[in-house]
N, C-alpha and C. Protein backbone atom coordinates (compact mmCIF):
# COMPACT_ATOMS: atom_id res chain seq x y z
N MET A 1 121.89 102.84 113.20
CA MET A 1 120.88 102.55 112.22
C MET A 1 121.16 103.12 110.86
N ASP A 2 120.87 102.45 109.77
CA ASP A 2 121.09 102.91 108.51
C ASP A 2 120.07 104.07 108.16
N SER A 3 120.62 105.20 107.65
CA SER A 3 119.85 106.43 107.44
C SER A 3 118.79 106.18 106.31
N SER A 4 118.99 105.14 105.46
CA SER A 4 118.09 104.94 104.35
C SER A 4 116.88 104.21 104.73
N VAL A 5 116.81 103.74 106.03
CA VAL A 5 115.64 103.03 106.47
C VAL A 5 114.42 103.92 106.70
N GLN A 6 114.76 105.06 107.36
CA GLN A 6 113.58 105.97 107.69
C GLN A 6 112.90 106.56 106.46
N PRO A 7 113.53 106.94 105.41
CA PRO A 7 112.78 107.37 104.27
C PRO A 7 111.90 106.25 103.61
N LEU A 8 112.37 105.04 103.66
CA LEU A 8 111.59 103.93 103.08
C LEU A 8 110.35 103.72 104.02
N GLU A 9 110.58 103.79 105.32
CA GLU A 9 109.34 103.62 106.19
C GLU A 9 108.41 104.74 106.06
N LEU A 10 108.84 105.99 105.95
CA LEU A 10 107.92 107.12 105.86
C LEU A 10 107.26 107.09 104.46
N LEU A 11 107.88 106.79 103.41
CA LEU A 11 107.24 106.66 102.10
C LEU A 11 106.17 105.52 102.04
N GLY A 12 106.52 104.40 102.75
CA GLY A 12 105.66 103.19 102.83
C GLY A 12 104.26 103.59 103.52
N VAL A 13 104.44 104.27 104.66
CA VAL A 13 103.28 104.69 105.50
C VAL A 13 102.47 105.70 104.70
N LEU A 14 103.08 106.67 104.08
CA LEU A 14 102.37 107.72 103.34
C LEU A 14 101.57 107.07 102.15
N PHE A 15 102.33 106.24 101.46
CA PHE A 15 101.63 105.52 100.30
C PHE A 15 100.51 104.58 100.78
N SER A 16 100.68 104.01 101.95
CA SER A 16 99.61 103.14 102.48
C SER A 16 98.39 103.95 102.83
N ALA A 17 98.68 105.14 103.52
CA ALA A 17 97.47 105.98 103.88
C ALA A 17 96.84 106.46 102.56
N ALA A 18 97.56 106.90 101.56
CA ALA A 18 96.94 107.42 100.34
C ALA A 18 96.22 106.30 99.64
N ALA A 19 96.69 105.10 99.68
CA ALA A 19 96.09 104.01 99.05
C ALA A 19 94.68 103.66 99.72
N TRP A 20 94.81 103.73 101.08
CA TRP A 20 93.54 103.34 101.75
C TRP A 20 92.39 104.45 101.49
N PHE A 21 92.77 105.69 101.38
CA PHE A 21 91.75 106.74 101.14
C PHE A 21 91.25 106.49 99.69
N CYS A 22 92.07 106.17 98.76
CA CYS A 22 91.68 105.94 97.31
C CYS A 22 90.76 104.67 97.27
N SER A 23 91.02 103.67 98.12
CA SER A 23 90.19 102.49 98.09
C SER A 23 88.85 102.87 98.75
N LEU A 24 88.83 103.65 99.76
CA LEU A 24 87.55 104.10 100.35
C LEU A 24 86.75 104.84 99.32
N ALA A 25 87.37 105.84 98.60
CA ALA A 25 86.69 106.58 97.62
C ALA A 25 86.20 105.64 96.44
N THR A 26 87.02 104.72 96.05
CA THR A 26 86.52 103.73 95.05
C THR A 26 85.27 102.94 95.46
N THR A 27 85.29 102.62 96.74
CA THR A 27 84.10 101.71 97.23
C THR A 27 82.91 102.55 97.32
N LEU A 28 82.99 103.75 97.64
CA LEU A 28 81.79 104.59 97.92
C LEU A 28 81.29 105.33 96.63
N MET A 29 82.22 105.67 95.71
CA MET A 29 81.79 106.29 94.50
C MET A 29 80.85 105.53 93.68
N PRO A 30 79.75 106.21 93.09
CA PRO A 30 78.83 105.46 92.28
C PRO A 30 79.19 105.39 90.84
N SER A 31 80.36 105.81 90.42
CA SER A 31 80.69 105.93 89.00
C SER A 31 81.70 104.80 88.64
N TRP A 32 81.32 103.54 88.90
CA TRP A 32 82.20 102.48 88.43
C TRP A 32 81.96 102.33 86.93
N LEU A 33 80.77 102.40 86.43
CA LEU A 33 80.38 102.41 85.05
C LEU A 33 79.59 103.56 84.64
N THR A 34 79.66 104.09 83.46
CA THR A 34 78.85 105.18 82.98
C THR A 34 78.15 104.78 81.69
N LEU A 35 77.12 105.33 81.45
CA LEU A 35 76.36 105.10 80.21
C LEU A 35 75.54 106.39 79.71
N SER A 36 75.66 106.68 78.52
CA SER A 36 75.00 107.80 77.88
C SER A 36 74.31 107.30 76.59
N THR A 37 73.11 107.76 76.34
CA THR A 37 72.43 107.40 75.05
C THR A 37 72.06 108.61 74.23
N GLU A 38 71.90 108.33 72.91
CA GLU A 38 71.57 109.33 72.00
C GLU A 38 70.07 109.63 72.20
N LEU A 39 69.33 108.81 72.69
CA LEU A 39 67.84 109.06 72.86
C LEU A 39 67.59 110.04 73.91
N LEU A 40 68.48 109.96 74.92
CA LEU A 40 68.33 110.99 76.07
C LEU A 40 69.68 111.73 76.24
N PRO A 41 70.02 112.67 75.40
CA PRO A 41 71.38 113.33 75.36
C PRO A 41 71.51 114.22 76.59
N THR A 42 70.44 114.49 77.27
CA THR A 42 70.56 115.35 78.45
C THR A 42 70.74 114.59 79.80
N GLU A 43 70.73 113.35 79.73
CA GLU A 43 70.95 112.47 80.88
C GLU A 43 72.05 111.44 80.65
N SER A 44 72.66 111.13 81.74
CA SER A 44 73.65 110.03 81.71
C SER A 44 73.45 109.19 83.00
N PHE A 45 73.87 107.89 82.88
CA PHE A 45 73.63 106.96 84.02
C PHE A 45 74.97 106.52 84.60
N GLU A 46 75.04 106.27 85.91
CA GLU A 46 76.26 105.84 86.58
C GLU A 46 75.80 104.56 87.45
N LEU A 47 76.77 103.64 87.42
CA LEU A 47 76.52 102.39 88.10
C LEU A 47 77.63 102.15 89.10
N GLY A 48 77.25 102.00 90.42
CA GLY A 48 78.17 101.80 91.50
C GLY A 48 77.95 100.52 92.24
N LEU A 49 78.63 100.28 93.37
CA LEU A 49 78.58 99.10 94.19
C LEU A 49 77.29 99.17 95.09
N TRP A 50 76.85 100.37 95.35
CA TRP A 50 75.78 100.42 96.28
C TRP A 50 74.46 101.10 95.71
N GLU A 51 74.64 101.79 94.61
CA GLU A 51 73.49 102.57 94.06
C GLU A 51 73.77 102.82 92.63
N THR A 52 72.65 103.24 91.93
CA THR A 52 72.64 103.72 90.57
C THR A 52 72.24 105.21 90.54
N CYS A 53 72.85 106.02 89.69
CA CYS A 53 72.59 107.42 89.67
C CYS A 53 72.14 107.87 88.24
N VAL A 54 71.35 108.89 88.17
CA VAL A 54 70.95 109.58 86.94
C VAL A 54 71.48 110.96 86.99
N ILE A 55 72.29 111.39 86.03
CA ILE A 55 72.82 112.81 86.13
C ILE A 55 72.31 113.58 84.94
N GLN A 56 71.80 114.65 85.21
CA GLN A 56 71.26 115.67 84.09
C GLN A 56 72.22 116.65 83.74
N ASP A 57 72.10 117.27 82.61
CA ASP A 57 72.99 118.39 82.16
C ASP A 57 73.08 119.54 83.06
N LEU A 58 71.94 119.76 83.74
CA LEU A 58 71.76 120.93 84.63
C LEU A 58 72.54 120.67 86.00
N GLY A 59 73.13 119.66 86.16
CA GLY A 59 73.79 119.28 87.43
C GLY A 59 73.06 118.49 88.41
N LEU A 60 71.81 118.23 88.13
CA LEU A 60 70.96 117.49 89.09
C LEU A 60 71.34 115.98 89.01
N GLN A 61 71.38 115.39 90.31
CA GLN A 61 71.77 113.94 90.35
C GLN A 61 70.78 113.26 91.29
N GLU A 62 70.30 112.17 90.84
CA GLU A 62 69.37 111.32 91.63
C GLU A 62 69.97 109.95 91.75
N CYS A 63 70.13 109.48 92.90
CA CYS A 63 70.66 108.13 93.17
C CYS A 63 69.62 107.24 93.92
N ARG A 64 69.62 106.08 93.57
CA ARG A 64 68.75 105.11 94.25
C ARG A 64 69.59 103.83 94.58
N PRO A 65 69.50 103.39 95.77
CA PRO A 65 70.15 102.10 96.20
C PRO A 65 69.52 100.90 95.59
N TYR A 66 70.32 99.78 95.57
CA TYR A 66 69.78 98.66 95.06
C TYR A 66 68.61 98.00 95.92
N ASN A 67 67.58 97.46 95.26
CA ASN A 67 66.40 97.06 96.08
C ASN A 67 66.68 95.72 96.79
N SER A 68 67.44 94.86 96.21
CA SER A 68 67.69 93.52 96.82
C SER A 68 69.18 93.12 96.75
N LEU A 69 69.62 92.59 97.92
CA LEU A 69 71.11 92.23 97.97
C LEU A 69 71.25 90.87 97.18
N LEU A 70 70.30 89.97 97.26
CA LEU A 70 70.45 88.65 96.62
C LEU A 70 70.32 88.68 95.11
N GLY A 71 69.63 89.77 94.72
CA GLY A 71 69.39 89.95 93.30
C GLY A 71 70.51 90.68 92.53
N LEU A 72 71.56 91.01 93.19
CA LEU A 72 72.60 91.78 92.53
C LEU A 72 73.37 90.82 91.58
N PRO A 73 74.00 91.38 90.50
CA PRO A 73 74.87 90.59 89.68
C PRO A 73 76.04 89.98 90.36
N PRO A 74 76.52 88.90 89.90
CA PRO A 74 77.75 88.31 90.63
C PRO A 74 78.95 89.23 90.69
N ASP A 75 79.21 90.00 89.63
CA ASP A 75 80.24 90.86 89.66
C ASP A 75 80.30 91.97 90.77
N ILE A 76 79.05 92.51 90.99
CA ILE A 76 78.86 93.52 91.96
C ILE A 76 79.00 92.90 93.35
N LYS A 77 78.45 91.66 93.52
CA LYS A 77 78.66 91.02 94.84
C LYS A 77 80.11 90.78 95.11
N LEU A 78 80.85 90.27 94.18
CA LEU A 78 82.29 90.01 94.34
C LEU A 78 83.05 91.24 94.64
N ALA A 79 82.68 92.32 93.94
CA ALA A 79 83.36 93.67 94.12
C ALA A 79 83.11 94.12 95.58
N ARG A 80 81.98 94.02 96.02
CA ARG A 80 81.57 94.49 97.39
C ARG A 80 82.39 93.77 98.40
N ILE A 81 82.40 92.49 98.30
CA ILE A 81 83.14 91.68 99.28
C ILE A 81 84.54 91.93 99.29
N MET A 82 85.21 92.02 98.09
CA MET A 82 86.56 92.18 98.06
C MET A 82 87.08 93.59 98.37
N MET A 83 86.28 94.61 98.05
CA MET A 83 86.57 95.98 98.40
C MET A 83 86.52 96.21 99.89
N CYS A 84 85.47 95.69 100.55
CA CYS A 84 85.29 95.80 102.01
C CYS A 84 86.48 95.08 102.69
N THR A 85 86.86 93.84 102.25
CA THR A 85 87.98 93.15 102.76
C THR A 85 89.28 93.91 102.60
N ALA A 86 89.41 94.58 101.46
CA ALA A 86 90.63 95.33 101.16
C ALA A 86 90.74 96.60 102.10
N LEU A 87 89.53 97.28 102.40
CA LEU A 87 89.62 98.28 103.28
C LEU A 87 89.98 97.82 104.71
N GLY A 88 89.50 96.74 105.16
CA GLY A 88 89.95 96.25 106.47
C GLY A 88 91.37 95.89 106.53
N ALA A 89 91.86 95.15 105.49
CA ALA A 89 93.29 94.79 105.48
C ALA A 89 94.24 95.98 105.33
N GLY A 90 93.83 96.98 104.49
CA GLY A 90 94.67 98.11 104.35
C GLY A 90 94.70 99.00 105.64
N LEU A 91 93.63 99.18 106.35
CA LEU A 91 93.64 99.89 107.58
C LEU A 91 94.41 99.20 108.64
N LEU A 92 94.28 97.87 108.68
CA LEU A 92 95.01 97.07 109.80
C LEU A 92 96.54 97.19 109.41
N GLY A 93 96.93 97.13 108.17
CA GLY A 93 98.33 97.21 107.77
C GLY A 93 98.89 98.47 108.15
N LEU A 94 98.08 99.65 107.90
CA LEU A 94 98.63 100.94 108.23
C LEU A 94 98.71 101.11 109.78
N LEU A 95 97.81 100.58 110.54
CA LEU A 95 97.85 100.74 111.95
C LEU A 95 99.13 99.92 112.54
N LEU A 96 99.50 98.87 111.87
CA LEU A 96 100.63 98.03 112.34
C LEU A 96 102.00 98.70 111.87
N ALA A 97 101.89 99.32 110.70
CA ALA A 97 103.18 99.93 110.11
C ALA A 97 103.63 101.12 110.90
N ILE A 98 102.70 101.95 111.36
CA ILE A 98 103.03 103.22 112.06
C ILE A 98 103.84 102.94 113.33
N PRO A 99 103.46 102.06 114.26
CA PRO A 99 104.40 101.83 115.39
C PRO A 99 105.51 101.10 115.09
N GLY A 100 105.66 100.46 113.88
CA GLY A 100 106.83 99.76 113.44
C GLY A 100 107.90 100.63 112.95
N MET A 101 107.59 101.96 112.76
CA MET A 101 108.59 102.87 112.25
C MET A 101 109.55 103.16 113.29
N ASN A 102 110.85 103.47 112.88
CA ASN A 102 111.90 103.79 113.81
C ASN A 102 111.77 105.25 114.32
N LEU A 103 110.94 106.01 113.65
CA LEU A 103 110.68 107.32 114.17
C LEU A 103 109.78 107.33 115.29
N VAL A 104 108.98 106.32 115.47
CA VAL A 104 108.01 106.19 116.53
C VAL A 104 108.65 105.29 117.62
N ASN A 105 108.63 105.80 118.85
CA ASN A 105 109.22 105.07 119.97
C ASN A 105 108.16 104.08 120.49
N SER A 106 108.18 102.82 119.97
CA SER A 106 107.07 101.92 120.39
C SER A 106 107.62 100.65 120.92
N CYS A 107 108.99 100.72 121.22
CA CYS A 107 109.63 99.35 121.76
C CYS A 107 109.93 99.43 123.19
N GLN A 108 109.37 100.36 123.92
CA GLN A 108 109.68 100.50 125.34
C GLN A 108 109.28 99.29 126.13
N ARG A 109 108.14 98.75 125.82
CA ARG A 109 107.65 97.59 126.63
C ARG A 109 108.40 96.30 126.12
N TRP A 110 108.96 96.18 125.02
CA TRP A 110 109.57 95.02 124.51
C TRP A 110 111.00 95.29 124.23
N ARG A 111 111.76 95.59 125.23
CA ARG A 111 113.19 95.81 125.08
C ARG A 111 113.95 94.59 124.86
N GLU A 112 113.47 93.43 125.33
CA GLU A 112 114.09 92.15 125.14
C GLU A 112 113.95 91.68 123.70
N GLU A 113 112.83 92.10 123.06
CA GLU A 113 112.49 91.64 121.65
C GLU A 113 113.11 92.59 120.71
N LEU A 114 114.28 92.11 120.06
CA LEU A 114 115.04 92.97 119.25
C LEU A 114 114.47 93.15 117.93
N ARG A 115 113.51 92.30 117.44
CA ARG A 115 112.96 92.43 116.14
C ARG A 115 111.42 92.86 116.18
N CYS A 116 111.03 93.59 117.22
CA CYS A 116 109.64 93.94 117.33
C CYS A 116 109.20 94.77 116.22
N LYS A 117 110.00 95.80 115.83
CA LYS A 117 109.64 96.79 114.82
C LYS A 117 109.62 96.11 113.39
N ARG A 118 110.54 95.20 113.25
CA ARG A 118 110.54 94.53 111.91
C ARG A 118 109.33 93.65 111.75
N VAL A 119 108.86 93.08 112.81
CA VAL A 119 107.65 92.22 112.70
C VAL A 119 106.52 93.02 112.38
N LEU A 120 106.32 94.19 113.08
CA LEU A 120 105.21 95.15 112.81
C LEU A 120 105.28 95.58 111.34
N LYS A 121 106.41 96.03 110.82
CA LYS A 121 106.52 96.49 109.48
C LYS A 121 106.29 95.37 108.58
N ALA A 122 106.69 94.28 108.80
CA ALA A 122 106.52 93.04 107.94
C ALA A 122 105.02 92.71 107.76
N LEU A 123 104.31 92.67 108.97
CA LEU A 123 102.95 92.47 108.93
C LEU A 123 102.19 93.59 108.14
N GLY A 124 102.56 94.80 108.42
CA GLY A 124 102.00 95.95 107.70
C GLY A 124 102.14 95.90 106.18
N GLY A 125 103.45 95.51 105.81
CA GLY A 125 103.64 95.44 104.39
C GLY A 125 102.97 94.28 103.73
N THR A 126 102.86 93.19 104.43
CA THR A 126 102.12 92.01 103.84
C THR A 126 100.62 92.30 103.72
N LEU A 127 100.04 92.96 104.69
CA LEU A 127 98.64 93.32 104.64
C LEU A 127 98.42 94.37 103.46
N SER A 128 99.38 95.32 103.31
CA SER A 128 99.24 96.24 102.30
C SER A 128 99.27 95.55 100.81
N LEU A 129 100.15 94.63 100.68
CA LEU A 129 100.21 93.85 99.45
C LEU A 129 98.92 93.07 99.17
N ALA A 130 98.36 92.48 100.28
CA ALA A 130 97.08 91.75 100.12
C ALA A 130 95.95 92.70 99.80
N ALA A 131 95.99 93.86 100.46
CA ALA A 131 94.94 94.89 100.06
C ALA A 131 95.05 95.34 98.62
N GLY A 132 96.25 95.51 98.11
CA GLY A 132 96.36 95.85 96.71
C GLY A 132 95.87 94.88 95.80
N ILE A 133 96.06 93.54 96.09
CA ILE A 133 95.59 92.55 95.18
C ILE A 133 94.00 92.46 95.35
N LEU A 134 93.51 92.65 96.49
CA LEU A 134 92.06 92.63 96.74
C LEU A 134 91.33 93.74 95.92
N VAL A 135 92.06 94.92 95.89
CA VAL A 135 91.48 96.01 95.10
C VAL A 135 91.62 95.74 93.61
N LEU A 136 92.72 95.35 93.15
CA LEU A 136 93.01 95.15 91.67
C LEU A 136 92.07 94.09 91.08
N VAL A 137 91.77 93.08 91.84
CA VAL A 137 90.92 91.91 91.25
C VAL A 137 89.56 92.34 90.84
N PRO A 138 88.70 93.00 91.75
CA PRO A 138 87.37 93.36 91.29
C PRO A 138 87.39 94.50 90.35
N VAL A 139 88.28 95.41 90.43
CA VAL A 139 88.28 96.48 89.45
C VAL A 139 88.69 95.97 88.03
N SER A 140 89.68 95.18 87.98
CA SER A 140 90.16 94.61 86.68
C SER A 140 89.05 93.63 86.09
N TYR A 141 88.39 92.95 86.99
CA TYR A 141 87.37 91.99 86.47
C TYR A 141 86.16 92.72 85.89
N ILE A 142 85.74 93.79 86.63
CA ILE A 142 84.56 94.53 86.01
C ILE A 142 84.97 95.18 84.77
N ALA A 143 86.19 95.75 84.74
CA ALA A 143 86.66 96.31 83.52
C ALA A 143 86.76 95.35 82.33
N HIS A 144 87.19 94.08 82.60
CA HIS A 144 87.20 93.08 81.63
C HIS A 144 85.79 92.72 81.09
N LEU A 145 84.84 92.57 81.99
CA LEU A 145 83.46 92.38 81.57
C LEU A 145 82.95 93.45 80.78
N THR A 146 83.22 94.65 81.11
CA THR A 146 82.81 95.89 80.36
C THR A 146 83.28 95.87 78.97
N VAL A 147 84.59 95.54 78.78
CA VAL A 147 85.18 95.52 77.39
C VAL A 147 84.57 94.32 76.64
N VAL A 148 84.32 93.21 77.19
CA VAL A 148 83.75 92.09 76.51
C VAL A 148 82.32 92.44 76.04
N ARG A 149 81.55 92.98 77.00
CA ARG A 149 80.17 93.39 76.55
C ARG A 149 80.10 94.57 75.59
N PHE A 150 81.15 95.48 75.65
CA PHE A 150 81.08 96.56 74.78
C PHE A 150 81.33 96.14 73.24
N PHE A 151 82.23 95.08 73.18
CA PHE A 151 82.50 94.66 71.71
C PHE A 151 81.76 93.41 71.44
N ASP A 152 80.67 93.07 72.13
CA ASP A 152 79.86 91.93 71.85
C ASP A 152 79.13 92.09 70.50
N GLU A 153 79.44 91.29 69.51
CA GLU A 153 78.74 91.52 68.19
C GLU A 153 77.30 91.01 68.17
N SER A 154 76.86 90.24 69.12
CA SER A 154 75.56 89.75 69.21
C SER A 154 74.54 90.83 69.56
N VAL A 155 75.04 91.87 70.25
CA VAL A 155 74.13 93.04 70.68
C VAL A 155 74.13 94.06 69.55
N PRO A 156 72.89 94.52 69.16
CA PRO A 156 72.78 95.55 68.15
C PRO A 156 73.46 96.83 68.51
N ASP A 157 73.86 97.59 67.46
CA ASP A 157 74.68 98.81 67.65
C ASP A 157 73.82 99.94 68.30
N VAL A 158 72.53 99.80 68.17
CA VAL A 158 71.62 100.88 68.69
C VAL A 158 71.53 100.71 70.26
N VAL A 159 71.84 99.58 70.76
CA VAL A 159 71.80 99.38 72.24
C VAL A 159 72.93 100.10 72.86
N PRO A 160 72.70 100.86 73.87
CA PRO A 160 73.74 101.65 74.56
C PRO A 160 74.61 100.67 75.38
N ARG A 161 75.83 100.99 75.53
CA ARG A 161 76.79 100.14 76.26
C ARG A 161 77.41 100.89 77.41
N TRP A 162 77.72 100.13 78.47
CA TRP A 162 78.45 100.83 79.59
C TRP A 162 79.94 100.94 79.27
N GLU A 163 80.43 102.00 79.85
CA GLU A 163 81.90 102.37 79.65
C GLU A 163 82.49 102.56 81.08
N PHE A 164 83.87 102.73 81.00
CA PHE A 164 84.64 102.88 82.32
C PHE A 164 84.22 104.15 82.89
N GLY A 165 84.06 104.10 84.29
CA GLY A 165 83.84 105.25 85.15
C GLY A 165 85.16 105.69 85.87
N ASP A 166 85.00 106.81 86.62
CA ASP A 166 86.12 107.37 87.27
C ASP A 166 86.51 106.37 88.49
N SER A 167 85.59 105.62 88.99
CA SER A 167 85.88 104.72 90.13
C SER A 167 86.90 103.68 89.76
N LEU A 168 86.89 103.13 88.53
CA LEU A 168 87.87 102.09 88.07
C LEU A 168 89.28 102.67 88.08
N PHE A 169 89.48 103.88 87.57
CA PHE A 169 90.74 104.49 87.56
C PHE A 169 91.24 104.80 88.95
N CYS A 170 90.34 105.26 89.85
CA CYS A 170 90.73 105.37 91.21
C CYS A 170 91.05 104.06 91.91
N GLY A 171 90.39 103.07 91.56
CA GLY A 171 90.67 101.73 92.14
C GLY A 171 92.04 101.15 91.61
N TRP A 172 92.36 101.39 90.39
CA TRP A 172 93.75 100.93 89.86
C TRP A 172 94.81 101.73 90.54
N THR A 173 94.59 103.06 90.78
CA THR A 173 95.53 103.84 91.58
C THR A 173 95.77 103.29 92.96
N ALA A 174 94.65 103.04 93.62
CA ALA A 174 94.68 102.55 94.99
C ALA A 174 95.45 101.11 95.03
N GLY A 175 95.17 100.28 94.10
CA GLY A 175 95.87 99.03 94.08
C GLY A 175 97.38 99.08 93.81
N VAL A 176 97.81 99.98 92.97
CA VAL A 176 99.16 100.25 92.71
C VAL A 176 99.86 100.83 93.94
N LEU A 177 99.19 101.80 94.60
CA LEU A 177 99.69 102.45 95.73
C LEU A 177 99.83 101.43 96.97
N HIS A 178 98.88 100.59 97.05
CA HIS A 178 99.08 99.56 98.04
C HIS A 178 100.30 98.68 97.84
N LEU A 179 100.42 98.16 96.60
CA LEU A 179 101.61 97.43 96.19
C LEU A 179 102.93 98.07 96.49
N VAL A 180 102.97 99.32 96.14
CA VAL A 180 104.17 100.17 96.43
C VAL A 180 104.49 100.25 97.81
N ALA A 181 103.44 100.58 98.63
CA ALA A 181 103.58 100.75 100.02
C ALA A 181 104.10 99.45 100.67
N GLY A 182 103.50 98.30 100.27
CA GLY A 182 103.87 97.05 100.87
C GLY A 182 105.39 96.64 100.50
N THR A 183 105.75 97.05 99.27
CA THR A 183 107.08 96.79 98.91
C THR A 183 108.11 97.64 99.65
N LEU A 184 107.83 98.87 99.82
CA LEU A 184 108.66 99.77 100.64
C LEU A 184 108.80 99.24 102.08
N LEU A 185 107.73 98.96 102.66
CA LEU A 185 107.80 98.48 104.06
C LEU A 185 108.60 97.23 104.19
N LEU A 186 108.31 96.27 103.25
CA LEU A 186 109.12 95.03 103.34
C LEU A 186 110.55 95.24 103.01
N THR A 187 110.79 96.10 102.12
CA THR A 187 112.24 96.42 101.85
C THR A 187 112.97 97.13 102.98
N SER A 188 112.19 97.90 103.78
CA SER A 188 112.85 98.56 104.98
C SER A 188 113.24 97.49 106.01
N CYS A 189 112.45 96.38 106.08
CA CYS A 189 112.77 95.30 106.97
C CYS A 189 113.99 94.54 106.66
N LEU A 190 114.39 94.57 105.43
CA LEU A 190 115.53 93.79 105.03
C LEU A 190 116.85 94.61 105.05
N ARG A 191 116.79 95.91 105.49
CA ARG A 191 117.98 96.77 105.50
C ARG A 191 118.72 96.27 106.80
N PRO A 192 120.14 96.19 106.75
CA PRO A 192 120.90 95.66 107.82
C PRO A 192 120.84 96.65 108.99
N GLY A 193 120.62 97.88 108.85
CA GLY A 193 120.60 98.87 109.91
C GLY A 193 119.38 98.77 110.75
N ASP A 194 118.42 97.98 110.42
CA ASP A 194 117.12 97.94 111.10
C ASP A 194 117.02 96.73 112.03
N GLN A 195 118.22 96.14 112.39
CA GLN A 195 118.13 94.91 113.15
C GLN A 195 118.03 95.19 114.62
N ASN A 196 118.47 96.22 115.08
CA ASN A 196 118.57 96.40 116.53
C ASN A 196 117.19 96.95 117.11
N CYS A 197 116.31 97.37 116.22
CA CYS A 197 115.01 97.92 116.63
C CYS A 197 115.00 98.96 117.65
N ASN A 198 116.11 99.78 117.60
CA ASN A 198 116.16 100.97 118.58
C ASN A 198 116.22 100.47 120.07
N VAL A 199 116.64 99.23 120.32
CA VAL A 199 116.60 98.72 121.76
C VAL A 199 118.00 98.91 122.23
N PRO A 200 118.16 99.62 123.39
CA PRO A 200 119.53 99.94 123.86
C PRO A 200 120.04 98.65 124.40
N VAL A 201 121.43 98.50 124.31
CA VAL A 201 122.09 97.31 124.74
C VAL A 201 122.57 97.64 126.15
N HIS A 202 122.19 96.81 127.11
CA HIS A 202 122.69 97.00 128.42
C HIS A 202 123.96 96.20 128.82
N ILE A 203 124.94 96.94 129.15
CA ILE A 203 126.33 96.23 129.44
C ILE A 203 126.35 95.99 130.97
N PRO A 204 126.39 94.72 131.32
CA PRO A 204 126.45 94.44 132.85
C PRO A 204 127.71 94.93 133.44
N LEU A 205 127.53 95.54 134.53
CA LEU A 205 128.67 96.14 135.31
C LEU A 205 129.18 95.03 136.26
N ARG A 206 130.53 94.88 136.21
CA ARG A 206 131.21 93.88 137.16
C ARG A 206 131.20 94.39 138.57
N PRO A 207 130.70 93.69 139.47
CA PRO A 207 130.70 94.18 140.91
C PRO A 207 132.10 94.26 141.44
N VAL A 208 132.26 95.24 142.25
CA VAL A 208 133.60 95.40 142.90
C VAL A 208 133.63 94.66 144.14
N GLN A 209 134.64 93.84 144.37
CA GLN A 209 134.77 93.11 145.62
C GLN A 209 135.17 94.00 146.78
N PRO A 210 134.50 93.93 147.85
CA PRO A 210 134.80 94.75 148.98
C PRO A 210 136.28 94.62 149.43
N GLY A 211 136.80 93.37 149.41
CA GLY A 211 138.20 93.30 149.98
C GLY A 211 139.21 94.08 149.14
N ARG A 212 139.01 94.06 147.79
CA ARG A 212 139.87 94.75 146.94
C ARG A 212 139.88 96.25 147.12
N GLN A 213 138.54 96.71 147.30
CA GLN A 213 138.38 98.21 147.46
C GLN A 213 138.98 98.68 148.74
N SER A 214 138.88 97.89 149.78
CA SER A 214 139.39 98.29 151.13
C SER A 214 141.02 98.21 151.07
N ALA A 215 141.50 97.22 150.32
CA ALA A 215 142.94 97.14 150.22
C ALA A 215 143.44 98.26 149.41
N ARG A 216 142.74 98.74 148.34
CA ARG A 216 143.22 99.90 147.59
C ARG A 216 143.11 101.13 148.41
N SER A 217 142.08 101.23 149.13
CA SER A 217 141.99 102.52 150.06
C SER A 217 143.09 102.53 151.14
N ARG A 218 143.51 101.35 151.59
CA ARG A 218 144.53 101.33 152.54
C ARG A 218 145.86 101.75 152.00
N THR A 219 146.16 101.35 150.77
CA THR A 219 147.42 101.65 150.19
C THR A 219 147.48 103.15 149.83
N GLU A 220 146.26 103.81 149.68
CA GLU A 220 146.33 105.29 149.41
C GLU A 220 146.76 106.11 150.66
N TYR A 221 146.42 105.55 151.82
CA TYR A 221 146.70 106.34 152.98
C TYR A 221 148.07 105.99 153.60
N VAL A 222 148.78 104.89 153.00
CA VAL A 222 150.10 104.56 153.55
C VAL A 222 151.18 105.59 153.03
């Protein structure tokens, strides 16, 4: 087996795990968008996928969930659906990539299937790429809407505007890590040293004919 395959697999799995945790934090964090006004300098507002929060300078934070699911803005609905789908795809890809590593002995039951590990890693890498796209789309879309609304000339300057929150940057990081992890896993499948899938090759033994063995034993005693 090529020694360069194992580092690619290990890095791919580590990046995939880090990307999944970043995606989970992005989904749960309420700081997708932030807003601060000059009328209330002691308070700031945060907007998330599940709740809105008011933060005071003293460190107090009060969050309230959305009252209605059907009354949510379309961008929040889209972000919810795509982020939850990305979490599922990323977790499934990670669970498939781990037994597909050559460091993990997972081909005992499939000794006849020479490409079992490559199939698992390919599925894990593909799901990781899909999870990266599913994360980057809602994050970039909400960021685009925020920029358009921020520079909207029809809105008076005295009206406060939403700005980027920490969750958007965490989401971009998660999407990039998912893409890198998927690329590494798929690249490890293309290495020529990963074709045997750690399956031992059984060499059939030629049976010894009893007539020849007896004749050989006879000549030894003559």
